[in-house]
Amino acid sequence: HHVEATYLAWIDARRLDNIFPARFFEAFGVGLSEGSDFGLPGYVRLNFGCRRLLLRQALQRMKQAAEGK
């Protein structure tokens, strides 16, 4: 397995019990890609090639969404 540098993170969202986790997070203002589009159902793909502030905000929103807040 050859590892390459990337600005992508695969996040396991299976605990949400939602077949479209990216849509779930989109309702909280976070744009992600469905893992199922890339052969990874239950995962979301996060592109973190952005400003740190924007990434922090997105991760905070994802945390709040996952915690039901």
C-alpha atoms as a PDB file:
ATOM      1  CA  HIS A   1       0.000   0.000   0.000  1.00  0.00           C
ATOM      2  CA  HIS A   2       1.550   3.261  -1.140  1.00  0.00           C
ATOM      3  CA  VAL A   3       0.565   6.339   0.887  1.00  0.00           C
ATOM      4  CA  GLU A   4       0.289   9.651  -0.940  1.00  0.00           C
ATOM      5  CA  ALA A   5      -0.066  13.174   0.416  1.00  0.00           C
ATOM      6  CA  THR A   6      -3.608  14.498   0.273  1.00  0.00           C
ATOM      7  CA  TYR A   7      -5.998  17.046   1.710  1.00  0.00           C
ATOM      8  CA  LEU A   8      -8.729  14.468   2.177  1.00  0.00           C
ATOM      9  CA  ALA A   9      -9.922  12.718   5.312  1.00  0.00           C
ATOM     10  CA  TRP A  10     -12.269   9.746   5.430  1.00  0.00           C
ATOM     11  CA  ILE A  11     -14.506   9.951   8.490  1.00  0.00           C
ATOM     12  CA  ASP A  12     -16.421   6.930   9.756  1.00  0.00           C
ATOM     13  CA  ALA A  13     -20.018   8.109  10.224  1.00  0.00           C
ATOM     14  CA  ARG A  14     -21.636   4.675  10.590  1.00  0.00           C
ATOM     15  CA  ARG A  15     -22.608   5.367  14.207  1.00  0.00           C
ATOM     16  CA  LEU A  16     -25.056   7.986  12.931  1.00  0.00           C
ATOM     17  CA  ASP A  17     -27.125   5.150  11.435  1.00  0.00           C
ATOM     18  CA  ASN A  18     -27.858   7.310   8.391  1.00  0.00           C
ATOM     19  CA  ILE A  19     -27.471   6.006   4.837  1.00  0.00           C
ATOM     20  CA  PHE A  20     -26.622   9.523   3.598  1.00  0.00           C
ATOM     21  CA  PRO A  21     -24.340  10.972   6.293  1.00  0.00           C
ATOM     22  CA  ALA A  22     -23.067  13.809   4.071  1.00  0.00           C
ATOM     23  CA  ARG A  23     -26.653  15.045   3.670  1.00  0.00           C
ATOM     24  CA  PHE A  24     -27.072  14.853   7.442  1.00  0.00           C
ATOM     25  CA  PHE A  25     -24.044  17.104   8.013  1.00  0.00           C
ATOM     26  CA  GLU A  26     -25.064  19.409   5.160  1.00  0.00           C
ATOM     27  CA  ALA A  27     -28.163  20.337   7.185  1.00  0.00           C
ATOM     28  CA  PHE A  28     -25.706  21.719   9.780  1.00  0.00           C
ATOM     29  CA  GLY A  29     -23.790  23.772   7.224  1.00  0.00           C
ATOM     30  CA  VAL A  30     -20.950  21.360   6.441  1.00  0.00           C
ATOM     31  CA  GLY A  31     -20.311  20.276   2.861  1.00  0.00           C
ATOM     32  CA  LEU A  32     -18.900  16.761   2.593  1.00  0.00           C
ATOM     33  CA  SER A  33     -18.868  14.004  -0.018  1.00  0.00           C
ATOM     34  CA  GLU A  34     -20.714  10.727   0.451  1.00  0.00           C
ATOM     35  CA  GLY A  35     -18.301   7.880   0.999  1.00  0.00           C
ATOM     36  CA  SER A  36     -20.652   5.591  -0.918  1.00  0.00           C
ATOM     37  CA  ASP A  37     -19.735   7.534  -4.074  1.00  0.00           C
ATOM     38  CA  PHE A  38     -16.201   6.170  -3.590  1.00  0.00           C
ATOM     39  CA  GLY A  39     -17.059   2.654  -2.411  1.00  0.00           C
ATOM     40  CA  LEU A  40     -17.120   3.499   1.317  1.00  0.00           C
ATOM     41  CA  PRO A  41     -20.757   3.565   2.454  1.00  0.00           C
ATOM     42  CA  GLY A  42     -21.230   5.026   5.928  1.00  0.00           C
ATOM     43  CA  TYR A  43     -18.201   7.292   5.558  1.00  0.00           C
ATOM     44  CA  VAL A  44     -17.893  10.923   4.540  1.00  0.00           C
ATOM     45  CA  ARG A  45     -14.991  12.548   2.744  1.00  0.00           C
ATOM     46  CA  LEU A  46     -13.738  15.831   4.160  1.00  0.00           C
ATOM     47  CA  ASN A  47     -11.499  18.087   2.093  1.00  0.00           C
ATOM     48  CA  PHE A  48      -9.414  19.968   4.649  1.00  0.00           C
ATOM     49  CA  GLY A  49      -7.441  22.030   2.143  1.00  0.00           C
ATOM     50  CA  CYS A  50      -8.869  25.277   3.544  1.00  0.00           C
ATOM     51  CA  ARG A  51      -8.186  27.963   6.131  1.00  0.00           C
ATOM     52  CA  ARG A  52      -7.799  26.654   9.690  1.00  0.00           C
ATOM     53  CA  LEU A  53     -10.670  28.788  10.953  1.00  0.00           C
ATOM     54  CA  LEU A  54     -13.025  27.301   8.368  1.00  0.00           C
ATOM     55  CA  LEU A  55     -11.883  23.776   9.235  1.00  0.00           C
ATOM     56  CA  ARG A  56     -12.382  24.421  12.975  1.00  0.00           C
ATOM     57  CA  GLN A  57     -15.890  25.725  12.334  1.00  0.00           C
ATOM     58  CA  ALA A  58     -16.778  22.731  10.175  1.00  0.00           C
ATOM     59  CA  LEU A  59     -15.462  20.246  12.734  1.00  0.00           C
ATOM     60  CA  GLN A  60     -17.323  22.012  15.546  1.00  0.00           C
ATOM     61  CA  ARG A  61     -20.562  21.861  13.554  1.00  0.00           C
ATOM     62  CA  MET A  62     -19.989  18.184  12.822  1.00  0.00           C
ATOM     63  CA  LYS A  63     -19.417  17.493  16.506  1.00  0.00           C
ATOM     64  CA  GLN A  64     -22.584  19.343  17.502  1.00  0.00           C
ATOM     65  CA  ALA A  65     -24.589  17.526  14.829  1.00  0.00           C
ATOM     66  CA  ALA A  66     -23.287  14.114  15.914  1.00  0.00           C
ATOM     67  CA  GLU A  67     -24.028  14.896  19.564  1.00  0.00           C
ATOM     68  CA  GLY A  68     -27.554  16.017  18.694  1.00  0.00           C
ATOM     69  CA  LYS A  69     -27.085  19.631  19.806  1.00  0.00           C
END
